[in-house]
Amino acid sequence: MIVVYTPEDGEPEHYDATTLRVSEAAIVQRTVDMKWQEIALGLEQDDLDAMRGIVWVIKKRSQPTLRFGDFDPIITELTTLMDNKEVAAWLDRAWAATEGDPGVTPEKFAEIVLKELPGISADPEYARALIAEKTAAPKEDVPEPSPPAVTAGPESPSPTSSTPETSTSGSSPTSSTSHPETLTT
């Protein structure tokens, strides 16, 4: 997840939460009084404390004396975007959710996801290209995505669900970045 901090009258700054070291994540956990799983989920939902903690601890790399209390952005200066790996996973889950639905053609699928996915992606062009690639062939001809590589032991729970969920809220796309909406015709 990429946290975007756009200071008033400034240029957007991108902070990749996946670059945190364990020690930095522990500092964020203590500072915002949240477990890492809550922080990760919070990033998906634009949680202000989670976003602020991530940006602050990464900024401390170049500004070691920066205190948390001194980094207090305006709420509209923080948001999150999906990195390319998250975009690919989101698209795979959305595609799988439409499997077997004859009313959702590749063209209809592309039309629906093009409305949301590029806008919540750190790299909108990558998202558009991936959508075009996914929908270029009929659904039956598209190979199943390979499962992600396992980097932790089998007992390690996944920090995010791989099951698509239906969104029932009218919230902004960034509050639903990890779960594709069920596609309907």
C-alpha atoms as a PDB file:
ATOM      1  CA  MET A   1       0.000   0.000   0.000  1.00  0.00           C
ATOM      2  CA  ILE A   2       1.276   3.432  -0.894  1.00  0.00           C
ATOM      3  CA  VAL A   3       0.472   6.327   1.434  1.00  0.00           C
ATOM      4  CA  VAL A   4       0.314   9.621  -0.420  1.00  0.00           C
ATOM      5  CA  TYR A   5       1.045  12.731   1.607  1.00  0.00           C
ATOM      6  CA  THR A   6       0.328  15.976  -0.233  1.00  0.00           C
ATOM      7  CA  PRO A   7       1.286  18.915   1.970  1.00  0.00           C
ATOM      8  CA  GLU A   8      -0.722  22.072   1.485  1.00  0.00           C
ATOM      9  CA  ASP A   9       0.906  23.977  -1.393  1.00  0.00           C
ATOM     10  CA  GLY A  10       3.267  21.060  -2.008  1.00  0.00           C
ATOM     11  CA  GLU A  11       3.836  18.144  -4.321  1.00  0.00           C
ATOM     12  CA  PRO A  12       2.555  14.624  -3.496  1.00  0.00           C
ATOM     13  CA  GLU A  13       5.019  12.444  -1.608  1.00  0.00           C
ATOM     14  CA  HIS A  14       4.658   8.659  -1.866  1.00  0.00           C
ATOM     15  CA  TYR A  15       5.506   6.348   1.045  1.00  0.00           C
ATOM     16  CA  ASP A  16       5.508   2.595   0.436  1.00  0.00           C
ATOM     17  CA  ALA A  17       4.354   0.820   3.594  1.00  0.00           C
ATOM     18  CA  THR A  18       5.960  -2.415   2.394  1.00  0.00           C
ATOM     19  CA  THR A  19       9.419  -0.869   2.823  1.00  0.00           C
ATOM     20  CA  LEU A  20       9.118  -0.680   6.610  1.00  0.00           C
ATOM     21  CA  ARG A  21      11.545  -2.702   8.663  1.00  0.00           C
ATOM     22  CA  VAL A  22      10.137  -4.730  11.549  1.00  0.00           C
ATOM     23  CA  SER A  23      11.629  -2.270  14.031  1.00  0.00           C
ATOM     24  CA  GLU A  24       9.898   0.621  12.252  1.00  0.00           C
ATOM     25  CA  ALA A  25       6.586  -1.246  12.192  1.00  0.00           C
ATOM     26  CA  ALA A  26       6.954  -1.837  15.933  1.00  0.00           C
ATOM     27  CA  ILE A  27       7.493   1.894  16.461  1.00  0.00           C
ATOM     28  CA  VAL A  28       4.340   2.669  14.480  1.00  0.00           C
ATOM     29  CA  GLN A  29       2.397   0.045  16.468  1.00  0.00           C
ATOM     30  CA  ARG A  30       3.416   1.570  19.793  1.00  0.00           C
ATOM     31  CA  THR A  31       2.893   5.126  18.609  1.00  0.00           C
ATOM     32  CA  VAL A  32      -0.623   4.692  17.206  1.00  0.00           C
ATOM     33  CA  ASP A  33      -1.590   1.904  19.669  1.00  0.00           C
ATOM     34  CA  MET A  34      -2.586  -0.565  16.960  1.00  0.00           C
ATOM     35  CA  LYS A  35      -1.338  -4.045  16.042  1.00  0.00           C
ATOM     36  CA  TRP A  36       0.293  -4.376  12.622  1.00  0.00           C
ATOM     37  CA  GLN A  37      -2.707  -6.257  11.194  1.00  0.00           C
ATOM     38  CA  GLU A  38      -4.943  -3.348  12.273  1.00  0.00           C
ATOM     39  CA  ILE A  39      -2.542  -0.879  10.668  1.00  0.00           C
ATOM     40  CA  ALA A  40      -2.500  -2.841   7.395  1.00  0.00           C
ATOM     41  CA  LEU A  41      -6.290  -3.025   7.362  1.00  0.00           C
ATOM     42  CA  GLY A  42      -6.436   0.635   8.351  1.00  0.00           C
ATOM     43  CA  LEU A  43      -4.345   1.581   5.334  1.00  0.00           C
ATOM     44  CA  GLU A  44      -6.876  -0.142   3.084  1.00  0.00           C
ATOM     45  CA  GLN A  45      -9.559   2.038   4.653  1.00  0.00           C
ATOM     46  CA  ASP A  46      -7.606   5.326   4.731  1.00  0.00           C
ATOM     47  CA  ASP A  47      -7.323   5.239   8.538  1.00  0.00           C
ATOM     48  CA  LEU A  48      -5.699   8.530   9.526  1.00  0.00           C
ATOM     49  CA  ASP A  49      -3.646   7.137  12.424  1.00  0.00           C
ATOM     50  CA  ALA A  50      -2.299   4.289  10.301  1.00  0.00           C
ATOM     51  CA  MET A  51      -1.384   6.594   7.401  1.00  0.00           C
ATOM     52  CA  ARG A  52       0.161   9.216   9.684  1.00  0.00           C
ATOM     53  CA  GLY A  53       2.229   6.616  11.532  1.00  0.00           C
ATOM     54  CA  ILE A  54       3.603   5.111   8.309  1.00  0.00           C
ATOM     55  CA  VAL A  55       4.546   8.473   6.791  1.00  0.00           C
ATOM     56  CA  TRP A  56       6.062   9.702  10.060  1.00  0.00           C
ATOM     57  CA  VAL A  57       8.282   6.670  10.609  1.00  0.00           C
ATOM     58  CA  ILE A  58       9.514   6.714   7.006  1.00  0.00           C
ATOM     59  CA  LYS A  59      10.193  10.465   7.229  1.00  0.00           C
ATOM     60  CA  LYS A  60      12.272   9.742  10.366  1.00  0.00           C
ATOM     61  CA  ARG A  61      14.785   7.928   8.143  1.00  0.00           C
ATOM     62  CA  SER A  62      15.926  11.287   6.753  1.00  0.00           C
ATOM     63  CA  GLN A  63      14.823  13.428   9.729  1.00  0.00           C
ATOM     64  CA  PRO A  64      15.779  11.365  12.825  1.00  0.00           C
ATOM     65  CA  THR A  65      14.660  14.074  15.271  1.00  0.00           C
ATOM     66  CA  LEU A  66      11.137  14.357  13.798  1.00  0.00           C
ATOM     67  CA  ARG A  67       8.652  13.805  16.614  1.00  0.00           C
ATOM     68  CA  PHE A  68       5.248  12.268  15.996  1.00  0.00           C
ATOM     69  CA  GLY A  69       3.562  15.308  17.525  1.00  0.00           C
ATOM     70  CA  ASP A  70       5.409  17.549  15.090  1.00  0.00           C
ATOM     71  CA  PHE A  71       4.051  15.654  12.079  1.00  0.00           C
ATOM     72  CA  ASP A  72       0.362  16.556  12.109  1.00  0.00           C
ATOM     73  CA  PRO A  73      -0.948  16.795   8.541  1.00  0.00           C
ATOM     74  CA  ILE A  74      -4.394  18.048   7.594  1.00  0.00           C
ATOM     75  CA  ILE A  75      -6.767  15.108   7.108  1.00  0.00           C
ATOM     76  CA  THR A  76      -7.177  15.822   3.391  1.00  0.00           C
ATOM     77  CA  GLU A  77      -3.398  15.647   2.881  1.00  0.00           C
ATOM     78  CA  LEU A  78      -3.272  11.852   3.370  1.00  0.00           C
ATOM     79  CA  THR A  79      -4.695   9.038   1.278  1.00  0.00           C
ATOM     80  CA  THR A  80      -3.657   5.589   0.044  1.00  0.00           C
ATOM     81  CA  LEU A  81      -3.184   4.005  -3.354  1.00  0.00           C
ATOM     82  CA  MET A  82      -2.566   0.396  -4.344  1.00  0.00           C
ATOM     83  CA  ASP A  83       0.832  -0.691  -5.592  1.00  0.00           C
ATOM     84  CA  ASN A  84       1.110  -2.848  -8.729  1.00  0.00           C
ATOM     85  CA  LYS A  85       1.093  -6.135  -6.801  1.00  0.00           C
ATOM     86  CA  GLU A  86      -2.123  -5.111  -5.009  1.00  0.00           C
ATOM     87  CA  VAL A  87      -3.698  -3.977  -8.295  1.00  0.00           C
ATOM     88  CA  ALA A  88      -2.979  -7.377  -9.860  1.00  0.00           C
ATOM     89  CA  ALA A  89      -4.420  -9.233  -6.853  1.00  0.00           C
ATOM     90  CA  TRP A  90      -7.532  -7.004  -6.789  1.00  0.00           C
ATOM     91  CA  LEU A  91      -8.095  -7.590 -10.500  1.00  0.00           C
ATOM     92  CA  ASP A  92      -7.640 -11.353 -10.145  1.00  0.00           C
ATOM     93  CA  ARG A  93     -10.205 -11.465  -7.308  1.00  0.00           C
ATOM     94  CA  ALA A  94     -12.681  -9.354  -9.283  1.00  0.00           C
ATOM     95  CA  TRP A  95     -12.212 -11.548 -12.354  1.00  0.00           C
ATOM     96  CA  ALA A  96     -12.711 -14.726 -10.310  1.00  0.00           C
ATOM     97  CA  ALA A  97     -15.855 -13.256  -8.715  1.00  0.00           C
ATOM     98  CA  THR A  98     -17.448 -13.003 -12.171  1.00  0.00           C
ATOM     99  CA  GLU A  99     -16.501 -16.552 -13.165  1.00  0.00           C
ATOM    100  CA  GLY A 100     -19.525 -18.380 -14.498  1.00  0.00           C
ATOM    101  CA  ASP A 101     -21.622 -15.215 -14.860  1.00  0.00           C
ATOM    102  CA  PRO A 102     -22.601 -15.116 -18.535  1.00  0.00           C
ATOM    103  CA  GLY A 103     -23.856 -11.538 -18.123  1.00  0.00           C
ATOM    104  CA  VAL A 104     -20.367 -10.239 -17.406  1.00  0.00           C
ATOM    105  CA  THR A 105     -18.460 -10.317 -20.660  1.00  0.00           C
ATOM    106  CA  PRO A 106     -14.803  -9.304 -20.788  1.00  0.00           C
ATOM    107  CA  GLU A 107     -15.925  -6.007 -22.330  1.00  0.00           C
ATOM    108  CA  LYS A 108     -18.441  -5.357 -19.539  1.00  0.00           C
ATOM    109  CA  PHE A 109     -15.847  -6.328 -16.927  1.00  0.00           C
ATOM    110  CA  ALA A 110     -13.322  -3.887 -18.428  1.00  0.00           C
ATOM    111  CA  GLU A 111     -15.921  -1.118 -18.525  1.00  0.00           C
ATOM    112  CA  ILE A 112     -16.785  -1.615 -14.862  1.00  0.00           C
ATOM    113  CA  VAL A 113     -13.268  -1.903 -13.437  1.00  0.00           C
ATOM    114  CA  LEU A 114     -11.884   0.910 -15.597  1.00  0.00           C
ATOM    115  CA  LYS A 115     -14.223   3.250 -13.718  1.00  0.00           C
ATOM    116  CA  GLU A 116     -12.526   2.542 -10.379  1.00  0.00           C
ATOM    117  CA  LEU A 117      -9.224   0.704 -10.484  1.00  0.00           C
ATOM    118  CA  PRO A 118      -6.935   3.223 -12.246  1.00  0.00           C
ATOM    119  CA  GLY A 119      -8.046   5.964  -9.844  1.00  0.00           C
ATOM    120  CA  ILE A 120      -6.992   3.990  -6.775  1.00  0.00           C
ATOM    121  CA  SER A 121      -3.724   2.777  -8.278  1.00  0.00           C
ATOM    122  CA  ALA A 122      -0.315   4.321  -7.713  1.00  0.00           C
ATOM    123  CA  ASP A 123       0.365   3.501 -11.375  1.00  0.00           C
ATOM    124  CA  PRO A 124      -2.892   4.036 -13.322  1.00  0.00           C
ATOM    125  CA  GLU A 125      -1.267   3.097 -16.654  1.00  0.00           C
ATOM    126  CA  TYR A 126      -0.218  -0.265 -15.234  1.00  0.00           C
ATOM    127  CA  ALA A 127      -3.796  -0.846 -14.048  1.00  0.00           C
ATOM    128  CA  ARG A 128      -5.216   0.021 -17.489  1.00  0.00           C
ATOM    129  CA  ALA A 129      -2.703  -2.252 -19.243  1.00  0.00           C
ATOM    130  CA  LEU A 130      -3.475  -5.111 -16.868  1.00  0.00           C
ATOM    131  CA  ILE A 131      -7.214  -4.695 -17.433  1.00  0.00           C
ATOM    132  CA  ALA A 132      -6.661  -4.705 -21.211  1.00  0.00           C
ATOM    133  CA  GLU A 133      -4.508  -7.839 -20.949  1.00  0.00           C
ATOM    134  CA  LYS A 134      -7.026  -9.622 -18.705  1.00  0.00           C
ATOM    135  CA  THR A 135      -9.990  -8.823 -20.957  1.00  0.00           C
ATOM    136  CA  ALA A 136      -8.300  -9.305 -24.360  1.00  0.00           C
ATOM    137  CA  ALA A 137      -9.353 -12.956 -24.616  1.00  0.00           C
ATOM    138  CA  PRO A 138     -12.640 -14.609 -23.741  1.00  0.00           C
ATOM    139  CA  LYS A 139     -12.829 -15.641 -20.085  1.00  0.00           C
ATOM    140  CA  GLU A 140     -12.473 -19.319 -20.919  1.00  0.00           C
ATOM    141  CA  ASP A 141      -9.123 -18.665 -22.679  1.00  0.00           C
ATOM    142  CA  VAL A 142      -7.544 -16.679 -19.842  1.00  0.00           C
ATOM    143  CA  PRO A 143      -5.307 -18.887 -17.684  1.00  0.00           C
ATOM    144  CA  GLU A 144      -5.989 -19.005 -13.975  1.00  0.00           C
ATOM    145  CA  PRO A 145      -3.665 -16.724 -12.031  1.00  0.00           C
ATOM    146  CA  SER A 146      -0.937 -18.565 -10.219  1.00  0.00           C
ATOM    147  CA  PRO A 147      -1.109 -18.410  -6.436  1.00  0.00           C
ATOM    148  CA  PRO A 148       1.204 -15.883  -4.803  1.00  0.00           C
ATOM    149  CA  ALA A 149       4.536 -17.141  -3.540  1.00  0.00           C
ATOM    150  CA  VAL A 150       4.465 -18.109   0.122  1.00  0.00           C
ATOM    151  CA  THR A 151       7.137 -16.256   2.044  1.00  0.00           C
ATOM    152  CA  ALA A 152       6.079 -17.217   5.571  1.00  0.00           C
ATOM    153  CA  GLY A 153       5.412 -20.545   7.216  1.00  0.00           C
ATOM    154  CA  PRO A 154       2.112 -22.327   6.607  1.00  0.00           C
ATOM    155  CA  GLU A 155       0.868 -21.361  10.062  1.00  0.00           C
ATOM    156  CA  SER A 156       1.182 -17.630   9.297  1.00  0.00           C
ATOM    157  CA  PRO A 157      -2.203 -16.039   8.750  1.00  0.00           C
ATOM    158  CA  SER A 158      -2.623 -13.805   5.745  1.00  0.00           C
ATOM    159  CA  PRO A 159      -2.949 -10.111   6.695  1.00  0.00           C
ATOM    160  CA  THR A 160      -5.696  -9.613   4.126  1.00  0.00           C
ATOM    161  CA  SER A 161      -8.488 -11.763   2.874  1.00  0.00           C
ATOM    162  CA  SER A 162      -8.234 -13.178  -0.623  1.00  0.00           C
ATOM    163  CA  THR A 163     -11.979 -13.594  -0.834  1.00  0.00           C
ATOM    164  CA  PRO A 164     -13.788 -10.907  -2.812  1.00  0.00           C
ATOM    165  CA  GLU A 165     -16.402  -9.065  -0.836  1.00  0.00           C
ATOM    166  CA  THR A 166     -19.385  -7.102  -1.981  1.00  0.00           C
ATOM    167  CA  SER A 167     -19.320  -3.449  -1.110  1.00  0.00           C
ATOM    168  CA  THR A 168     -22.591  -2.184   0.270  1.00  0.00           C
ATOM    169  CA  SER A 169     -21.435   1.297   1.110  1.00  0.00           C
ATOM    170  CA  GLY A 170     -21.420   4.362  -1.028  1.00  0.00           C
ATOM    171  CA  SER A 171     -17.919   5.234   0.137  1.00  0.00           C
ATOM    172  CA  SER A 172     -15.070   6.465  -1.983  1.00  0.00           C
ATOM    173  CA  PRO A 173     -12.989   4.009  -4.005  1.00  0.00           C
ATOM    174  CA  THR A 174     -10.024   4.346  -1.651  1.00  0.00           C
ATOM    175  CA  SER A 175     -12.023   2.937   1.220  1.00  0.00           C
ATOM    176  CA  SER A 176     -12.595  -0.238  -0.767  1.00  0.00           C
ATOM    177  CA  THR A 177      -9.216  -0.693  -2.352  1.00  0.00           C
ATOM    178  CA  SER A 178      -8.750  -4.287  -1.368  1.00  0.00           C
ATOM    179  CA  HIS A 179     -12.093  -5.755  -2.153  1.00  0.00           C
ATOM    180  CA  PRO A 180     -13.592  -5.677  -5.628  1.00  0.00           C
ATOM    181  CA  GLU A 181     -17.270  -5.015  -5.818  1.00  0.00           C
ATOM    182  CA  THR A 182     -19.434  -7.808  -7.155  1.00  0.00           C
ATOM    183  CA  LEU A 183     -20.060  -7.038 -10.779  1.00  0.00           C
ATOM    184  CA  THR A 184     -23.656  -6.959 -11.923  1.00  0.00           C
ATOM    185  CA  THR A 185     -25.287  -6.301 -15.262  1.00  0.00           C
END
